[in-house]
Amino acid sequence: MSNMVSSNNFYLRTKTYRGIHDKLQLILASESDKLSPADRTKIDLLIDRFANGGLAPIRPADVFDLNMASAASIAGIIFTYVIVLMQFNVGDNTV
């Protein structure tokens, strides 16, 4: 049941991201002559943020956004843990 709820949440977020992207594109197309360069830059940045194919960010258990920085941190922690386990394993074999 929780997997189905998670899939539904992902679908809703994806649909929301696509809707936001489309509305931003519409604003930029219809109001571009009225926008200041700073506002145009802000809208371009927002369009880029929501233009990742309509995919919402990965949110494990809706606790945090999993991006490259957090994935690298998690990989580093796991790698360090494995090294520590290997060192204890080597120490056990000599006793």
Protein backbone atom coordinates (compact mmCIF):
# COMPACT_ATOMS: atom_id res chain seq x y z
CA MET A 1 0.00 0.00 0.00
CA SER A 2 2.78 2.47 0.89
CA ASN A 3 4.52 1.79 -2.43
CA MET A 4 1.32 2.67 -4.27
CA VAL A 5 0.97 5.88 -2.25
CA SER A 6 4.60 6.73 -3.04
CA SER A 7 3.97 6.13 -6.76
CA ASN A 8 0.90 8.36 -6.63
CA ASN A 9 2.88 11.11 -4.87
CA PHE A 10 5.61 10.85 -7.51
CA TYR A 11 3.03 11.09 -10.28
CA LEU A 12 1.40 14.14 -8.68
CA ARG A 13 4.76 15.88 -8.19
CA THR A 14 5.76 15.10 -11.76
CA LYS A 15 2.46 16.47 -13.06
CA THR A 16 2.89 19.58 -10.89
CA TYR A 17 6.43 20.17 -12.18
CA ARG A 18 5.26 19.90 -15.78
CA GLY A 19 2.41 22.32 -15.10
CA ILE A 20 4.75 24.85 -13.49
CA HIS A 21 7.20 24.55 -16.39
CA ASP A 22 4.44 25.08 -18.95
CA LYS A 23 3.04 28.11 -17.11
CA LEU A 24 6.49 29.70 -16.83
CA GLN A 25 7.05 29.19 -20.56
CA LEU A 26 3.69 30.85 -21.22
CA ILE A 27 4.53 33.82 -19.00
CA LEU A 28 7.88 34.24 -20.71
CA ALA A 29 6.34 34.05 -24.19
CA SER A 30 3.48 36.45 -23.51
CA GLU A 31 5.17 38.96 -21.21
CA SER A 32 8.79 38.93 -22.38
CA ASP A 33 8.64 42.47 -23.78
CA LYS A 34 7.38 43.81 -20.43
CA LEU A 35 9.94 42.02 -18.24
CA SER A 36 13.10 43.63 -16.99
CA PRO A 37 16.35 41.77 -17.72
CA ALA A 38 16.56 40.73 -14.05
CA ASP A 39 13.02 39.31 -14.09
CA ARG A 40 13.68 37.53 -17.38
CA THR A 41 16.80 35.94 -15.86
CA LYS A 42 14.80 34.79 -12.82
CA ILE A 43 12.12 33.21 -15.01
CA ASP A 44 14.80 31.54 -17.16
CA LEU A 45 16.35 30.05 -14.02
CA LEU A 46 12.98 28.78 -12.84
CA ILE A 47 12.27 27.27 -16.26
CA ASP A 48 15.63 25.49 -16.13
CA ARG A 49 14.85 24.18 -12.65
CA PHE A 50 11.53 22.70 -13.76
CA ALA A 51 12.75 21.56 -17.20
CA ASN A 52 14.31 18.28 -16.12
CA GLY A 53 11.87 16.27 -18.18
CA GLY A 54 9.08 16.95 -15.75
CA LEU A 55 10.66 14.70 -13.14
CA ALA A 56 10.25 15.70 -9.55
CA PRO A 57 13.31 15.34 -7.33
CA ILE A 58 13.78 12.00 -5.61
CA ARG A 59 12.50 12.33 -2.04
CA PRO A 60 13.19 9.19 0.03
CA ALA A 61 10.31 8.84 2.51
CA ASP A 62 9.52 12.53 1.81
CA VAL A 63 12.34 13.47 4.21
CA PHE A 64 14.88 15.18 1.93
CA ASP A 65 15.71 15.79 -1.73
CA LEU A 66 18.25 13.30 -3.02
CA ASN A 67 20.60 15.24 -5.28
CA MET A 68 24.18 14.61 -6.38
CA ALA A 69 25.66 16.27 -3.27
CA SER A 70 23.65 14.18 -0.84
CA ALA A 71 24.24 11.02 -2.90
CA ALA A 72 28.00 11.68 -2.81
CA SER A 73 27.86 12.18 0.96
CA ILE A 74 25.94 8.94 1.45
CA ALA A 75 28.39 7.06 -0.79
CA GLY A 76 31.31 8.49 1.19
CA ILE A 77 29.77 7.42 4.49
CA ILE A 78 29.13 3.89 3.20
CA PHE A 79 32.66 3.66 1.77
CA THR A 80 34.18 4.81 5.08
CA TYR A 81 32.05 2.30 6.99
CA VAL A 82 33.18 -0.55 4.71
CA ILE A 83 36.85 0.44 5.18
CA VAL A 84 36.43 0.44 8.97
CA LEU A 85 34.73 -2.98 8.84
CA MET A 86 37.53 -4.36 6.68
CA GLN A 87 40.14 -3.08 9.16
CA PHE A 88 38.37 -4.77 12.06
CA ASN A 89 38.06 -7.95 9.98
CA VAL A 90 41.82 -7.98 9.31
CA GLY A 91 42.49 -7.49 13.02
CA ASP A 92 40.25 -10.45 13.94
CA ASN A 93 42.13 -12.87 11.69
CA THR A 94 45.48 -12.29 13.48
CA VAL A 95 44.17 -13.04 16.99
